[in-house]
Protein backbone atom coordinates (compact mmCIF):
# COMPACT_ATOMS: atom_id res chain seq x y z
CA UNK A 1 0.00 0.00 0.00
CA UNK A 2 2.87 2.38 0.78
CA UNK A 3 4.36 1.78 -2.68
CA UNK A 4 1.03 2.69 -4.29
CA UNK A 5 0.83 5.92 -2.25
CA UNK A 6 4.37 6.87 -3.26
CA UNK A 7 3.51 6.20 -6.90
CA UNK A 8 0.40 8.43 -6.66
CA UNK A 9 2.51 11.20 -5.13
CA UNK A 10 5.10 10.86 -7.90
CA UNK A 11 2.47 10.98 -10.66
CA UNK A 12 0.71 13.98 -9.14
CA UNK A 13 3.87 16.04 -8.98
CA UNK A 14 4.11 18.75 -11.60
CA UNK A 15 7.54 17.56 -12.77
CA UNK A 16 6.28 14.13 -13.83
CA UNK A 17 3.42 15.63 -15.80
CA UNK A 18 5.71 18.21 -17.41
CA UNK A 19 8.13 15.45 -18.39
CA UNK A 20 5.34 13.36 -19.94
CA UNK A 21 4.07 16.32 -21.95
CA UNK A 22 7.65 17.06 -23.05
CA UNK A 23 8.19 13.50 -24.28
CA UNK A 24 4.92 13.53 -26.26
CA UNK A 25 5.65 16.92 -27.83
CA UNK A 26 9.24 15.84 -28.50
CA UNK A 27 8.01 12.76 -30.39
CA UNK A 28 5.66 14.88 -32.50
CA UNK A 29 8.40 17.43 -33.16
CA UNK A 30 10.82 14.67 -34.19
CA UNK A 31 8.31 13.50 -36.80
CA UNK A 32 8.07 17.04 -38.18
CA UNK A 33 11.86 17.42 -38.35
CA UNK A 34 12.24 13.99 -39.97
CA UNK A 35 9.70 14.96 -42.61
CA UNK A 36 11.48 18.27 -43.17
CA UNK A 37 14.81 16.57 -43.80
CA UNK A 38 13.53 13.62 -45.84
CA UNK A 39 11.02 15.56 -47.94
CA UNK A 40 12.74 18.93 -48.36
CA UNK A 41 16.41 18.90 -47.40
CA UNK A 42 17.44 15.48 -48.78
CA UNK A 43 16.08 16.16 -52.28
CA UNK A 44 17.98 19.47 -52.25
CA UNK A 45 21.19 17.68 -51.16
CA UNK A 46 20.69 15.12 -53.92
CA UNK A 47 20.15 17.92 -56.43
CA UNK A 48 23.32 19.74 -55.36
CA UNK A 49 25.54 16.65 -55.13
CA UNK A 50 24.42 15.10 -58.39
CA UNK A 51 26.39 15.90 -61.52
CA UNK A 52 23.24 15.05 -63.55
CA UNK A 53 20.94 17.47 -61.68
CA UNK A 54 18.91 15.09 -59.53
CA UNK A 55 16.86 11.94 -60.09
CA UNK A 56 17.84 8.34 -59.44
CA UNK A 57 21.47 9.05 -60.37
CA UNK A 58 21.71 11.52 -57.47
CA UNK A 59 20.43 8.95 -54.98
CA UNK A 60 22.83 6.29 -56.16
CA UNK A 61 25.72 8.77 -56.06
CA UNK A 62 25.31 9.06 -52.29
CA UNK A 63 25.31 5.27 -51.69
CA UNK A 64 28.46 3.12 -51.74
CA UNK A 65 27.54 -0.46 -52.69
CA UNK A 66 28.65 -3.19 -50.26
CA UNK A 67 28.10 -6.86 -51.07
CA UNK A 68 25.30 -8.48 -49.08
CA UNK A 69 23.85 -5.17 -47.79
CA UNK A 70 21.98 -2.15 -49.07
CA UNK A 71 25.30 -0.31 -49.04
CA UNK A 72 26.61 2.65 -47.11
CA UNK A 73 23.91 5.30 -47.45
CA UNK A 74 25.41 8.75 -46.93
CA UNK A 75 22.06 10.34 -47.71
CA UNK A 76 20.36 8.87 -44.65
CA UNK A 77 23.41 9.65 -42.47
CA UNK A 78 23.37 13.28 -43.58
CA UNK A 79 19.62 13.33 -42.92
CA UNK A 80 20.11 11.97 -39.39
CA UNK A 81 22.82 14.56 -38.69
CA UNK A 82 20.59 17.38 -39.90
CA UNK A 83 17.70 16.02 -37.78
CA UNK A 84 19.95 16.00 -34.73
CA UNK A 85 21.23 19.54 -35.32
CA UNK A 86 17.72 20.96 -35.81
CA UNK A 87 16.32 19.24 -32.71
CA UNK A 88 19.37 20.16 -30.60
CA UNK A 89 19.10 23.81 -31.69
CA UNK A 90 15.38 23.97 -30.85
CA UNK A 91 15.97 22.36 -27.43
CA UNK A 92 18.83 24.82 -26.81
CA UNK A 93 16.58 27.77 -27.66
CA UNK A 94 13.80 26.43 -25.39
CA UNK A 95 16.19 26.00 -22.46
CA UNK A 96 17.66 29.44 -23.09
CA UNK A 97 14.16 30.98 -23.12
CA UNK A 98 13.10 29.18 -19.94
CA UNK A 99 16.30 30.25 -18.17
CA UNK A 100 15.76 33.90 -19.15
CA UNK A 101 12.17 33.73 -17.87
CA UNK A 102 13.41 32.26 -14.58
CA UNK A 103 15.99 35.06 -14.30
CA UNK A 104 13.29 37.68 -14.83
CA UNK A 105 11.12 35.97 -12.20
CA UNK A 106 13.94 35.87 -9.67
CA UNK A 107 14.71 39.56 -10.30
CA UNK A 108 11.06 40.40 -9.65
CA UNK A 109 11.16 38.44 -6.39
CA UNK A 110 14.33 40.28 -5.33
CA UNK A 111 12.76 43.68 -5.99
CA UNK A 112 9.70 42.69 -3.95
CA UNK A 113 11.91 41.67 -1.03
CA UNK A 114 14.00 44.83 -1.30
CA UNK A 115 10.90 46.99 -0.77
CA UNK A 116 10.11 45.32 2.55
CA UNK A 117 11.76 47.13 5.48
CA UNK A 118 14.53 45.16 7.19
CA UNK A 119 14.78 45.01 10.98
CA UNK A 120 17.51 44.09 13.45
CA UNK A 121 16.42 41.86 16.32
CA UNK A 122 15.84 43.71 19.63
CA UNK A 123 18.85 44.07 21.91
CA UNK A 124 19.28 44.82 25.59
CA UNK A 125 20.33 48.47 26.16
CA UNK A 126 22.54 47.40 29.09
CA UNK A 127 24.52 44.38 27.88
CA UNK A 128 23.72 44.68 24.13
CA UNK A 129 22.75 40.99 23.90
CA UNK A 130 19.89 39.90 21.66
CA UNK A 131 16.54 39.46 23.39
CA UNK A 132 13.14 38.25 22.23
CA UNK A 133 10.65 40.73 20.85
CA UNK A 134 8.24 41.88 23.57
CA UNK A 135 10.62 41.01 26.46
CA UNK A 136 10.49 43.34 29.50
CA UNK A 137 13.70 41.99 31.12
CA UNK A 138 17.00 40.84 29.69
CA UNK A 139 17.61 37.10 30.20
CA UNK A 140 21.39 37.75 30.21
CA UNK A 141 21.85 40.61 32.67
CA UNK A 142 18.35 40.83 34.21
CA UNK A 143 18.08 44.50 33.23
CA UNK A 144 14.52 45.86 33.24
CA UNK A 145 13.26 47.67 30.13
CA UNK A 146 11.07 50.76 30.26
CA UNK A 147 8.90 49.27 27.49
CA UNK A 148 8.76 45.87 25.73
CA UNK A 149 11.71 45.19 23.43
CA UNK A 150 11.15 46.05 19.74
CA UNK A 151 13.20 45.39 16.63
CA UNK A 152 15.07 48.36 15.17
CA UNK A 153 15.14 49.22 11.45
CA UNK A 154 18.31 48.39 9.55
CA UNK A 155 20.25 51.49 8.59
CA UNK A 156 21.24 51.66 4.92
C-alpha atoms as a PDB file:
ATOM      1  CA  UNK A   1       0.000   0.000   0.000  1.00  0.00           C
ATOM      2  CA  UNK A   2       2.870   2.378   0.778  1.00  0.00           C
ATOM      3  CA  UNK A   3       4.359   1.784  -2.677  1.00  0.00           C
ATOM      4  CA  UNK A   4       1.034   2.688  -4.293  1.00  0.00           C
ATOM      5  CA  UNK A   5       0.834   5.918  -2.251  1.00  0.00           C
ATOM      6  CA  UNK A   6       4.369   6.871  -3.260  1.00  0.00           C
ATOM      7  CA  UNK A   7       3.513   6.198  -6.897  1.00  0.00           C
ATOM      8  CA  UNK A   8       0.401   8.427  -6.659  1.00  0.00           C
ATOM      9  CA  UNK A   9       2.510  11.198  -5.125  1.00  0.00           C
ATOM     10  CA  UNK A  10       5.099  10.857  -7.901  1.00  0.00           C
ATOM     11  CA  UNK A  11       2.475  10.980 -10.658  1.00  0.00           C
ATOM     12  CA  UNK A  12       0.709  13.976  -9.139  1.00  0.00           C
ATOM     13  CA  UNK A  13       3.875  16.035  -8.983  1.00  0.00           C
ATOM     14  CA  UNK A  14       4.112  18.751 -11.602  1.00  0.00           C
ATOM     15  CA  UNK A  15       7.537  17.562 -12.769  1.00  0.00           C
ATOM     16  CA  UNK A  16       6.278  14.130 -13.831  1.00  0.00           C
ATOM     17  CA  UNK A  17       3.417  15.628 -15.803  1.00  0.00           C
ATOM     18  CA  UNK A  18       5.712  18.211 -17.408  1.00  0.00           C
ATOM     19  CA  UNK A  19       8.126  15.450 -18.385  1.00  0.00           C
ATOM     20  CA  UNK A  20       5.337  13.363 -19.936  1.00  0.00           C
ATOM     21  CA  UNK A  21       4.072  16.320 -21.949  1.00  0.00           C
ATOM     22  CA  UNK A  22       7.647  17.062 -23.055  1.00  0.00           C
ATOM     23  CA  UNK A  23       8.186  13.497 -24.278  1.00  0.00           C
ATOM     24  CA  UNK A  24       4.923  13.534 -26.258  1.00  0.00           C
ATOM     25  CA  UNK A  25       5.649  16.915 -27.831  1.00  0.00           C
ATOM     26  CA  UNK A  26       9.245  15.838 -28.505  1.00  0.00           C
ATOM     27  CA  UNK A  27       8.008  12.761 -30.393  1.00  0.00           C
ATOM     28  CA  UNK A  28       5.662  14.876 -32.500  1.00  0.00           C
ATOM     29  CA  UNK A  29       8.398  17.432 -33.156  1.00  0.00           C
ATOM     30  CA  UNK A  30      10.823  14.675 -34.191  1.00  0.00           C
ATOM     31  CA  UNK A  31       8.309  13.504 -36.799  1.00  0.00           C
ATOM     32  CA  UNK A  32       8.069  17.040 -38.182  1.00  0.00           C
ATOM     33  CA  UNK A  33      11.858  17.419 -38.349  1.00  0.00           C
ATOM     34  CA  UNK A  34      12.240  13.993 -39.973  1.00  0.00           C
ATOM     35  CA  UNK A  35       9.696  14.959 -42.612  1.00  0.00           C
ATOM     36  CA  UNK A  36      11.484  18.268 -43.171  1.00  0.00           C
ATOM     37  CA  UNK A  37      14.806  16.572 -43.800  1.00  0.00           C
ATOM     38  CA  UNK A  38      13.530  13.618 -45.840  1.00  0.00           C
ATOM     39  CA  UNK A  39      11.016  15.565 -47.942  1.00  0.00           C
ATOM     40  CA  UNK A  40      12.738  18.933 -48.363  1.00  0.00           C
ATOM     41  CA  UNK A  41      16.412  18.898 -47.400  1.00  0.00           C
ATOM     42  CA  UNK A  42      17.441  15.476 -48.782  1.00  0.00           C
ATOM     43  CA  UNK A  43      16.083  16.165 -52.280  1.00  0.00           C
ATOM     44  CA  UNK A  44      17.979  19.465 -52.249  1.00  0.00           C
ATOM     45  CA  UNK A  45      21.188  17.677 -51.162  1.00  0.00           C
ATOM     46  CA  UNK A  46      20.692  15.118 -53.916  1.00  0.00           C
ATOM     47  CA  UNK A  47      20.150  17.917 -56.434  1.00  0.00           C
ATOM     48  CA  UNK A  48      23.317  19.739 -55.364  1.00  0.00           C
ATOM     49  CA  UNK A  49      25.544  16.650 -55.130  1.00  0.00           C
ATOM     50  CA  UNK A  50      24.416  15.104 -58.385  1.00  0.00           C
ATOM     51  CA  UNK A  51      26.388  15.904 -61.525  1.00  0.00           C
ATOM     52  CA  UNK A  52      23.241  15.050 -63.552  1.00  0.00           C
ATOM     53  CA  UNK A  53      20.939  17.470 -61.678  1.00  0.00           C
ATOM     54  CA  UNK A  54      18.911  15.088 -59.525  1.00  0.00           C
ATOM     55  CA  UNK A  55      16.859  11.944 -60.091  1.00  0.00           C
ATOM     56  CA  UNK A  56      17.838   8.335 -59.444  1.00  0.00           C
ATOM     57  CA  UNK A  57      21.470   9.048 -60.371  1.00  0.00           C
ATOM     58  CA  UNK A  58      21.707  11.515 -57.475  1.00  0.00           C
ATOM     59  CA  UNK A  59      20.427   8.951 -54.982  1.00  0.00           C
ATOM     60  CA  UNK A  60      22.831   6.289 -56.160  1.00  0.00           C
ATOM     61  CA  UNK A  61      25.717   8.774 -56.064  1.00  0.00           C
ATOM     62  CA  UNK A  62      25.312   9.056 -52.287  1.00  0.00           C
ATOM     63  CA  UNK A  63      25.312   5.270 -51.692  1.00  0.00           C
ATOM     64  CA  UNK A  64      28.463   3.116 -51.744  1.00  0.00           C
ATOM     65  CA  UNK A  65      27.540  -0.464 -52.693  1.00  0.00           C
ATOM     66  CA  UNK A  66      28.645  -3.188 -50.263  1.00  0.00           C
ATOM     67  CA  UNK A  67      28.104  -6.855 -51.073  1.00  0.00           C
ATOM     68  CA  UNK A  68      25.297  -8.476 -49.081  1.00  0.00           C
ATOM     69  CA  UNK A  69      23.852  -5.167 -47.795  1.00  0.00           C
ATOM     70  CA  UNK A  70      21.980  -2.150 -49.069  1.00  0.00           C
ATOM     71  CA  UNK A  71      25.298  -0.307 -49.042  1.00  0.00           C
ATOM     72  CA  UNK A  72      26.609   2.655 -47.114  1.00  0.00           C
ATOM     73  CA  UNK A  73      23.913   5.299 -47.446  1.00  0.00           C
ATOM     74  CA  UNK A  74      25.413   8.754 -46.935  1.00  0.00           C
ATOM     75  CA  UNK A  75      22.064  10.343 -47.714  1.00  0.00           C
ATOM     76  CA  UNK A  76      20.359   8.872 -44.650  1.00  0.00           C
ATOM     77  CA  UNK A  77      23.411   9.646 -42.475  1.00  0.00           C
ATOM     78  CA  UNK A  78      23.371  13.281 -43.582  1.00  0.00           C
ATOM     79  CA  UNK A  79      19.624  13.333 -42.921  1.00  0.00           C
ATOM     80  CA  UNK A  80      20.111  11.968 -39.390  1.00  0.00           C
ATOM     81  CA  UNK A  81      22.822  14.562 -38.685  1.00  0.00           C
ATOM     82  CA  UNK A  82      20.586  17.376 -39.903  1.00  0.00           C
ATOM     83  CA  UNK A  83      17.699  16.023 -37.783  1.00  0.00           C
ATOM     84  CA  UNK A  84      19.950  15.998 -34.727  1.00  0.00           C
ATOM     85  CA  UNK A  85      21.230  19.540 -35.317  1.00  0.00           C
ATOM     86  CA  UNK A  86      17.724  20.956 -35.807  1.00  0.00           C
ATOM     87  CA  UNK A  87      16.320  19.239 -32.707  1.00  0.00           C
ATOM     88  CA  UNK A  88      19.374  20.161 -30.602  1.00  0.00           C
ATOM     89  CA  UNK A  89      19.097  23.806 -31.691  1.00  0.00           C
ATOM     90  CA  UNK A  90      15.382  23.967 -30.848  1.00  0.00           C
ATOM     91  CA  UNK A  91      15.970  22.361 -27.427  1.00  0.00           C
ATOM     92  CA  UNK A  92      18.831  24.815 -26.807  1.00  0.00           C
ATOM     93  CA  UNK A  93      16.577  27.765 -27.663  1.00  0.00           C
ATOM     94  CA  UNK A  94      13.798  26.435 -25.390  1.00  0.00           C
ATOM     95  CA  UNK A  95      16.190  25.996 -22.456  1.00  0.00           C
ATOM     96  CA  UNK A  96      17.662  29.443 -23.093  1.00  0.00           C
ATOM     97  CA  UNK A  97      14.159  30.977 -23.122  1.00  0.00           C
ATOM     98  CA  UNK A  98      13.101  29.176 -19.944  1.00  0.00           C
ATOM     99  CA  UNK A  99      16.301  30.252 -18.167  1.00  0.00           C
ATOM    100  CA  UNK A 100      15.763  33.896 -19.154  1.00  0.00           C
ATOM    101  CA  UNK A 101      12.170  33.728 -17.869  1.00  0.00           C
ATOM    102  CA  UNK A 102      13.405  32.263 -14.579  1.00  0.00           C
ATOM    103  CA  UNK A 103      15.994  35.058 -14.302  1.00  0.00           C
ATOM    104  CA  UNK A 104      13.293  37.684 -14.828  1.00  0.00           C
ATOM    105  CA  UNK A 105      11.125  35.967 -12.199  1.00  0.00           C
ATOM    106  CA  UNK A 106      13.943  35.865  -9.666  1.00  0.00           C
ATOM    107  CA  UNK A 107      14.713  39.558 -10.297  1.00  0.00           C
ATOM    108  CA  UNK A 108      11.064  40.396  -9.651  1.00  0.00           C
ATOM    109  CA  UNK A 109      11.156  38.435  -6.389  1.00  0.00           C
ATOM    110  CA  UNK A 110      14.328  40.276  -5.333  1.00  0.00           C
ATOM    111  CA  UNK A 111      12.762  43.681  -5.994  1.00  0.00           C
ATOM    112  CA  UNK A 112       9.696  42.687  -3.952  1.00  0.00           C
ATOM    113  CA  UNK A 113      11.908  41.671  -1.025  1.00  0.00           C
ATOM    114  CA  UNK A 114      14.002  44.828  -1.301  1.00  0.00           C
ATOM    115  CA  UNK A 115      10.899  46.990  -0.772  1.00  0.00           C
ATOM    116  CA  UNK A 116      10.115  45.318   2.552  1.00  0.00           C
ATOM    117  CA  UNK A 117      11.763  47.128   5.480  1.00  0.00           C
ATOM    118  CA  UNK A 118      14.533  45.161   7.188  1.00  0.00           C
ATOM    119  CA  UNK A 119      14.780  45.010  10.983  1.00  0.00           C
ATOM    120  CA  UNK A 120      17.514  44.086  13.452  1.00  0.00           C
ATOM    121  CA  UNK A 121      16.422  41.865  16.323  1.00  0.00           C
ATOM    122  CA  UNK A 122      15.841  43.705  19.629  1.00  0.00           C
ATOM    123  CA  UNK A 123      18.854  44.071  21.907  1.00  0.00           C
ATOM    124  CA  UNK A 124      19.276  44.817  25.591  1.00  0.00           C
ATOM    125  CA  UNK A 125      20.329  48.474  26.159  1.00  0.00           C
ATOM    126  CA  UNK A 126      22.535  47.399  29.092  1.00  0.00           C
ATOM    127  CA  UNK A 127      24.516  44.376  27.882  1.00  0.00           C
ATOM    128  CA  UNK A 128      23.720  44.677  24.130  1.00  0.00           C
ATOM    129  CA  UNK A 129      22.746  40.992  23.901  1.00  0.00           C
ATOM    130  CA  UNK A 130      19.893  39.897  21.659  1.00  0.00           C
ATOM    131  CA  UNK A 131      16.540  39.459  23.386  1.00  0.00           C
ATOM    132  CA  UNK A 132      13.142  38.245  22.226  1.00  0.00           C
ATOM    133  CA  UNK A 133      10.654  40.729  20.852  1.00  0.00           C
ATOM    134  CA  UNK A 134       8.244  41.884  23.568  1.00  0.00           C
ATOM    135  CA  UNK A 135      10.616  41.009  26.458  1.00  0.00           C
ATOM    136  CA  UNK A 136      10.491  43.341  29.497  1.00  0.00           C
ATOM    137  CA  UNK A 137      13.697  41.986  31.115  1.00  0.00           C
ATOM    138  CA  UNK A 138      17.003  40.838  29.687  1.00  0.00           C
ATOM    139  CA  UNK A 139      17.614  37.099  30.203  1.00  0.00           C
ATOM    140  CA  UNK A 140      21.386  37.750  30.214  1.00  0.00           C
ATOM    141  CA  UNK A 141      21.848  40.611  32.673  1.00  0.00           C
ATOM    142  CA  UNK A 142      18.354  40.831  34.206  1.00  0.00           C
ATOM    143  CA  UNK A 143      18.079  44.503  33.228  1.00  0.00           C
ATOM    144  CA  UNK A 144      14.519  45.862  33.242  1.00  0.00           C
ATOM    145  CA  UNK A 145      13.260  47.667  30.131  1.00  0.00           C
ATOM    146  CA  UNK A 146      11.074  50.758  30.256  1.00  0.00           C
ATOM    147  CA  UNK A 147       8.905  49.267  27.486  1.00  0.00           C
ATOM    148  CA  UNK A 148       8.759  45.869  25.729  1.00  0.00           C
ATOM    149  CA  UNK A 149      11.712  45.189  23.429  1.00  0.00           C
ATOM    150  CA  UNK A 150      11.150  46.053  19.744  1.00  0.00           C
ATOM    151  CA  UNK A 151      13.201  45.387  16.626  1.00  0.00           C
ATOM    152  CA  UNK A 152      15.073  48.357  15.169  1.00  0.00           C
ATOM    153  CA  UNK A 153      15.143  49.216  11.450  1.00  0.00           C
ATOM    154  CA  UNK A 154      18.310  48.391   9.553  1.00  0.00           C
ATOM    155  CA  UNK A 155      20.252  51.494   8.588  1.00  0.00           C
ATOM    156  CA  UNK A 156      21.243  51.658   4.922  1.00  0.00           C
END
